[in-house]
Protein backbone atom coordinates (compact mmCIF):
# COMPACT_ATOMS: atom_id res chain seq x y z
CA MET A 1 62.06 21.99 94.82
CA HIS A 2 58.25 21.26 94.47
CA ASN A 3 57.66 25.12 94.68
CA ALA A 4 60.33 25.70 92.12
CA SER A 5 58.90 23.09 89.58
CA VAL A 6 55.33 24.71 90.13
CA GLU A 7 56.60 28.08 89.29
CA ILE A 8 58.60 26.93 86.21
CA ILE A 9 55.37 25.30 85.28
CA ARG A 10 53.55 28.87 85.75
CA SER A 11 55.98 30.51 83.94
CA ASN A 12 55.88 28.10 80.67
CA LEU A 13 52.06 28.44 80.54
CA LYS A 14 52.15 32.21 80.52
CA ILE A 15 54.38 32.14 77.55
CA LYS A 16 52.40 29.39 75.90
CA ARG A 17 49.32 31.43 76.73
CA LEU A 18 50.83 34.97 75.40
CA LYS A 19 51.92 32.74 72.44
CA ILE A 20 48.35 31.92 71.79
CA VAL A 21 47.04 35.34 72.34
CA LEU A 22 49.54 37.03 70.01
CA ILE A 23 48.61 34.49 67.20
CA LEU A 24 44.78 35.34 67.64
CA LEU A 25 45.43 39.01 67.93
CA ALA A 26 47.75 39.18 64.82
CA SER A 27 45.33 37.05 62.52
CA TYR A 28 42.42 39.32 63.45
CA LEU A 29 44.95 42.42 62.60
CA VAL A 30 45.56 41.11 59.12
CA VAL A 31 41.58 40.56 58.72
CA GLU A 32 40.83 44.05 59.92
CA VAL A 33 43.46 45.74 57.85
CA LEU A 34 42.17 44.01 54.53
CA ALA A 35 38.29 44.49 55.53
CA GLY A 36 39.35 48.52 56.19
CA PHE A 37 41.04 48.85 52.55
CA TYR A 38 38.23 46.61 50.90
CA THR A 39 35.49 48.73 52.26
CA GLY A 40 37.41 52.02 52.37
CA SER A 41 36.44 52.37 55.88
CA LEU A 42 38.84 54.78 57.89
CA ALA A 43 36.91 53.74 61.34
CA LEU A 44 37.95 50.20 60.82
CA LEU A 45 41.70 51.06 59.66
CA ALA A 46 41.82 53.25 62.85
CA ASP A 47 40.73 50.41 64.82
CA ALA A 48 43.49 48.05 63.08
CA GLY A 49 45.78 50.80 64.37
CA HIS A 50 44.81 50.32 67.72
CA MET A 51 45.00 46.38 67.31
CA LEU A 52 48.55 46.76 65.96
CA THR A 53 49.54 48.44 69.14
CA ASP A 54 47.70 45.89 71.25
CA THR A 55 49.49 43.15 69.35
CA PHE A 56 52.83 44.95 69.82
CA GLY A 57 52.18 45.14 73.47
CA ILE A 58 51.43 41.26 73.53
CA CYS A 59 54.76 40.89 71.87
CA ILE A 60 56.63 42.84 74.48
CA ALA A 61 55.26 40.83 77.26
CA LEU A 62 55.92 37.50 75.54
CA ILE A 63 59.45 38.65 74.93
CA ALA A 64 59.82 39.84 78.60
CA ALA A 65 58.34 36.72 80.05
CA ILE A 66 60.88 34.70 77.91
CA TYR A 67 63.68 36.76 78.68
CA SER A 68 63.18 37.01 82.29
CA LYS A 69 63.80 33.17 82.78
CA LYS A 70 67.49 33.69 81.63
CA GLU A 71 69.97 32.59 84.44
CA ALA A 72 71.63 34.98 86.46
CA THR A 73 74.99 36.03 85.42
CA PRO A 74 77.99 37.93 87.18
CA ASN A 75 76.96 41.06 85.65
CA HIS A 76 73.36 40.46 86.08
CA THR A 77 73.26 38.73 89.66
CA TYR A 78 69.28 39.15 90.10
CA GLY A 79 68.93 37.44 86.79
CA PHE A 80 66.71 39.38 84.05
CA PHE A 81 63.62 39.74 86.22
CA ARG A 82 63.50 43.37 85.89
CA THR A 83 63.01 42.93 81.91
CA GLU A 84 59.18 42.28 82.76
CA ILE A 85 59.10 45.63 84.23
CA LEU A 86 60.89 47.42 81.59
CA ALA A 87 58.37 45.98 79.00
CA SER A 88 55.48 46.96 81.37
CA LEU A 89 56.66 50.44 81.30
CA ILE A 90 57.17 50.71 77.88
CA ASN A 91 53.88 49.20 77.12
CA SER A 92 51.95 51.72 79.54
CA ILE A 93 53.77 54.50 77.77
CA ILE A 94 52.59 53.14 74.44
CA LEU A 95 48.97 52.67 75.79
CA SER A 96 48.99 56.52 76.78
CA LEU A 97 50.05 57.90 73.49
CA LEU A 98 47.58 55.88 71.94
CA ALA A 99 44.62 57.01 74.01
CA ILE A 100 45.69 60.55 73.37
CA VAL A 101 45.86 59.97 69.77
CA ILE A 102 42.36 58.49 69.96
CA VAL A 103 41.00 61.53 71.85
CA TYR A 104 42.66 64.02 69.19
CA GLU A 105 41.25 62.02 66.15
CA SER A 106 37.75 61.61 67.65
CA TYR A 107 37.68 65.21 68.55
CA ARG A 108 38.79 65.86 64.80
CA ARG A 109 36.04 63.81 63.51
CA LEU A 110 33.40 65.53 65.58
CA TYR A 111 33.70 68.39 63.26
CA GLU A 112 34.83 66.19 60.01
CA PRO A 113 32.73 62.98 60.15
CA VAL A 114 33.49 60.00 58.04
CA GLU A 115 31.25 57.86 56.14
CA ILE A 116 31.25 54.31 57.67
CA GLN A 117 30.03 51.28 56.06
CA SER A 118 28.08 50.25 59.07
CA SER A 119 27.22 46.53 57.90
CA ILE A 120 30.95 45.56 57.41
CA MET A 121 32.10 47.56 60.63
CA ILE A 122 29.50 45.24 62.73
CA VAL A 123 30.81 42.34 61.38
CA VAL A 124 34.19 42.96 61.85
CA ALA A 125 33.60 44.33 65.42
CA VAL A 126 31.89 40.98 66.33
CA ILE A 127 34.89 38.82 65.03
CA GLY A 128 36.98 41.24 67.04
CA LEU A 129 34.80 40.73 70.10
CA ILE A 130 35.09 37.03 70.19
CA VAL A 131 38.96 37.33 69.56
CA ASN A 132 39.15 39.28 72.81
CA ILE A 133 36.82 37.46 74.85
CA VAL A 134 39.09 34.34 73.88
CA GLY A 135 42.21 35.93 74.55
CA MET A 136 40.97 37.30 78.01
CA TYR A 137 39.67 33.73 78.83
CA ILE A 138 43.24 32.33 78.04
CA LEU A 139 45.00 34.93 80.12
CA ARG A 140 42.58 34.29 83.03
CA GLY A 141 44.87 32.73 85.11
CA GLU A 142 48.45 31.33 85.81
CA HIS A 143 48.21 28.33 88.09
CA PRO A 144 49.11 25.05 86.40
CA HIS A 145 46.42 22.37 85.84
CA ASN A 146 47.85 20.26 83.06
CA HIS A 147 49.31 17.03 85.14
CA GLY A 148 50.70 16.14 81.65
CA GLU A 149 52.78 19.18 81.21
CA ILE A 150 54.04 18.84 85.10
CA SER A 151 55.17 15.42 84.09
CA ASP A 152 57.12 16.88 81.05
CA ILE A 153 58.87 19.31 83.03
CA HIS A 154 59.73 17.09 85.97
CA LYS A 155 61.21 14.44 83.40
CA ASN A 156 63.17 17.57 81.88
CA ALA A 157 64.34 18.44 85.24
CA ASN A 158 65.42 15.08 86.21
CA GLY A 159 67.34 14.63 82.90
CA ASP A 160 69.44 17.86 83.56
CA SER A 161 73.08 17.66 83.98
CA LYS A 162 74.65 18.52 87.14
CA GLU A 163 76.34 21.59 85.72
CA ASN A 164 72.79 22.74 84.30
CA LYS A 165 71.13 21.94 87.70
CA THR A 166 73.91 24.09 89.36
CA SER A 167 73.73 27.06 87.10
CA ARG A 168 70.17 27.49 87.45
CA ARG A 169 69.89 26.81 91.21
CA PHE A 170 69.75 30.69 91.97
CA SER A 171 67.28 31.48 89.51
CA ILE A 172 65.11 28.84 90.58
CA ASN A 173 65.53 29.69 94.03
CA LEU A 174 63.97 33.19 93.34
CA LEU A 175 61.24 31.82 91.15
CA SER A 176 60.28 29.46 93.67
CA HIS A 177 59.58 32.19 96.33
CA ARG A 178 57.91 34.52 94.05
CA LYS A 179 54.46 35.49 95.65
CA ALA A 180 51.69 35.59 93.49
CA SER A 181 48.95 35.02 95.57
CA ASP A 182 48.12 38.57 95.73
CA SER A 183 46.20 39.90 92.74
CA LYS A 184 48.44 43.22 93.36
CA ASP A 185 51.58 40.97 92.68
CA GLU A 186 50.52 39.73 89.31
CA ASP A 187 53.03 40.04 86.63
CA LEU A 188 52.56 43.46 85.02
CA ASN A 189 53.02 42.56 81.74
CA ILE A 190 49.92 40.13 82.00
CA GLN A 191 48.20 42.96 83.76
CA GLY A 192 49.09 45.06 80.61
CA ALA A 193 47.67 42.32 78.24
CA LYS A 194 44.49 41.85 80.12
CA LEU A 195 44.01 45.70 80.10
CA GLU A 196 44.64 45.76 76.30
CA LEU A 197 42.17 43.02 75.93
CA LEU A 198 39.54 44.80 78.07
CA GLY A 199 39.97 48.10 76.24
CA ASP A 200 39.50 46.29 72.91
CA THR A 201 36.62 44.27 74.31
CA ILE A 202 34.83 47.17 75.40
CA GLY A 203 35.77 48.80 72.33
CA SER A 204 34.21 46.38 70.09
CA ILE A 205 31.14 46.18 71.93
CA GLY A 206 30.83 49.99 71.47
CA VAL A 207 31.58 49.49 67.70
CA ILE A 208 28.82 47.11 67.38
CA ALA A 209 26.27 49.36 69.23
CA GLY A 210 27.83 52.43 67.30
CA GLY A 211 27.61 50.62 64.01
CA ILE A 212 23.81 49.31 64.84
CA LEU A 213 22.93 53.02 65.75
CA ILE A 214 24.65 54.46 62.59
CA SER A 215 22.76 52.09 60.29
CA LEU A 216 19.44 52.95 62.01
CA SER A 217 20.11 57.03 62.47
CA ASN A 218 22.98 57.52 60.00
CA ILE A 219 24.35 59.93 62.86
CA LEU A 220 28.12 59.64 61.97
CA ILE A 221 29.42 61.50 65.16
CA ILE A 222 28.48 58.51 67.11
CA ASP A 223 31.69 56.75 66.25
CA PRO A 224 34.11 59.40 67.85
CA LEU A 225 31.84 60.11 70.77
CA LEU A 226 32.45 55.95 71.52
CA SER A 227 36.00 56.54 70.96
CA ILE A 228 36.45 59.64 73.24
CA GLY A 229 34.33 57.35 76.01
CA LEU A 230 36.66 54.33 75.42
CA ALA A 231 40.10 56.41 75.91
CA ILE A 232 38.53 58.04 79.23
CA PHE A 233 37.61 54.57 80.48
CA ILE A 234 41.03 53.04 79.92
CA LEU A 235 43.16 56.03 81.03
CA PRO A 236 42.92 55.77 84.78
CA ARG A 237 44.01 52.02 84.10
CA ILE A 238 46.79 52.69 82.09
CA PHE A 239 48.15 55.30 84.59
CA ASN A 240 47.70 52.44 87.39
CA LEU A 241 50.13 50.32 85.19
CA LEU A 242 52.64 53.11 84.61
CA LYS A 243 52.62 54.37 88.24
CA LYS A 244 53.26 50.68 89.37
CA SER A 245 56.01 50.04 86.89
CA VAL A 246 58.08 53.35 87.85
CA HIS A 247 57.54 52.61 91.71
CA ILE A 248 59.11 49.00 91.20
CA LEU A 249 62.18 50.78 88.85
CA MET A 250 62.66 53.29 91.52
CA GLU A 251 62.94 50.64 94.20
CA GLY A 252 60.02 51.73 96.33
CA VAL A 253 58.58 49.83 99.09
CA PRO A 254 56.12 47.37 97.61
CA SER A 255 52.43 48.51 97.90
CA ASN A 256 51.31 45.26 100.03
CA ILE A 257 54.32 46.04 102.73
CA SER A 258 54.49 48.45 105.36
CA TYR A 259 57.91 49.95 106.12
CA GLU A 260 56.90 50.70 109.73
CA VAL A 261 55.33 47.40 110.38
CA ILE A 262 58.17 45.43 109.57
CA GLN A 263 60.60 47.89 111.20
CA GLN A 264 58.31 47.30 114.47
CA ALA A 265 58.16 43.57 113.79
CA LEU A 266 62.27 43.57 113.91
CA LEU A 267 62.24 45.47 116.80
CA LYS A 268 60.27 42.93 118.89
CA VAL A 269 62.59 39.92 117.86
CA LYS A 270 64.28 38.89 121.06
CA GLY A 271 67.73 40.45 121.52
CA VAL A 272 67.25 43.07 118.94
CA THR A 273 67.70 46.55 120.39
CA GLY A 274 67.81 48.76 117.00
CA VAL A 275 67.42 48.80 113.16
CA PHE A 276 68.68 51.34 110.81
CA ASP A 277 69.44 51.49 107.21
CA LEU A 278 66.39 49.48 106.45
CA HIS A 279 65.85 49.27 102.82
CA ILE A 280 62.67 47.06 101.18
CA TRP A 281 62.08 46.98 97.50
CA SER A 282 61.10 44.78 94.61
CA ILE A 283 63.34 42.96 92.33
CA THR A 284 59.87 42.61 90.07
CA SER A 285 56.18 42.21 90.49
CA GLY A 286 55.79 39.57 93.62
CA LEU A 287 59.58 39.19 94.45
CA HIS A 288 60.65 41.41 97.13
CA ALA A 289 63.96 42.04 98.78
CA LEU A 290 65.25 43.47 101.91
CA SER A 291 68.47 44.57 103.75
CA ALA A 292 69.02 46.09 107.17
CA HIS A 293 71.24 46.72 110.19
CA ILE A 294 70.43 44.99 113.08
CA VAL A 295 71.68 46.28 116.54
CA VAL A 296 72.03 43.45 119.26
CA MET A 297 72.57 43.14 122.86
CA ASP A 298 75.02 40.04 122.98
CA ASN A 299 77.11 39.03 119.94
CA THR A 300 76.81 35.28 121.43
CA ASN A 301 73.22 35.17 120.26
CA ALA A 302 73.78 36.52 116.78
CA TYR A 303 73.07 33.68 114.73
CA ARG A 304 70.04 32.76 116.54
CA ILE A 305 68.76 36.34 116.24
CA LEU A 306 69.53 36.18 112.67
CA ASP A 307 67.69 33.00 112.27
CA ASP A 308 64.72 34.39 113.98
CA VAL A 309 64.68 37.64 111.70
CA ASN A 310 65.01 35.59 108.65
CA ALA A 311 62.09 33.22 109.61
CA LEU A 312 60.14 36.41 110.59
CA LEU A 313 60.73 38.08 107.17
CA GLU A 314 59.71 34.89 105.42
CA LYS A 315 56.72 33.68 107.34
CA ASP A 316 54.84 37.14 107.88
CA PHE A 317 55.72 39.25 105.13
CA GLY A 318 56.99 36.70 102.16
CA ILE A 319 60.45 38.20 101.76
CA ILE A 320 62.98 35.42 101.38
CA HIS A 321 65.84 37.44 99.87
CA SER A 322 67.21 39.35 102.78
CA THR A 323 70.47 40.55 103.72
CA ILE A 324 71.14 41.32 107.52
CA GLN A 325 74.17 42.77 109.01
CA ILE A 326 74.27 42.39 112.74
CA GLU A 327 75.88 45.47 114.89
CA ARG A 328 76.87 45.94 118.32
CA PHE A 329 75.96 49.59 118.19
CA HIS A 330 73.71 51.93 116.52
CA PRO A 331 75.77 54.81 114.48
CA SER A 332 73.71 57.54 116.10
CA ASN A 333 75.25 56.67 119.70
CA GLY A 334 78.44 57.96 118.40
CA ASP A 335 80.27 54.60 119.46
CA SER A 336 82.70 52.66 117.11
């Protein structure tokens, strides 16, 4: 139960961090909108639109993190872990559309430059840079280090009724085995949040540099050129996030697991003569599942073979949610 407790703590800390980042971004959004209207700067208002989308993305990630903690039900037997992936898909699509809009607007402004109050632009961009750096620092890791929070969660767990403990057993079991040691398996919504903050950070640096150059040279096309550069920088990362989300929703084999390697490993288990209908997929990022039919030489050793297969999958591949069907014959042999 220690691993389950640690994973619950990590989940709660993730929610807390997302809330803090959401408050920071929303507060800065209000400041930027007010500054944009006060100065009449379209550049600030355009950047505020970018910040609004980012704030919405963080909000989606937060809702997904909260919703994914809901218990499994008879209609949703895996729980609601896939909420994270759906939110990630929506987030990446929004980011893609935003990047396209930025490129279009920047292209238009190359021919129709907009007058910019560079001094206000620089001040607001510096504030945005600080907000984004703080946000990235808050989301830098998922590991619990606050022993006070650990104690509180253990206290709450110990105070649960027997019914609550029983109803949460399946969800906690899945949470406790969710692998997060590999950066590839990091929650896709946290990846998306970091991506947005990274883009904003680079954007703020670009706006500061652009504001300084504009104030010194009065060359207004610097602003749209910086925007195009930002969009080009962020698009490949958005595409990568979108690809990962679609891959999980299509129940593709996890990127850090080889279908052929697992198949060969199963065939090397003593007593196994064949493997067919092997399926490997992810319930969500870092939580993998497998099903397979295993052909054995002797049914009397079926339970021992089953134990060996499950131990192999958990130890070597980090897969604890497996469904194995023992068979006497391979269907291709034509026997019944």
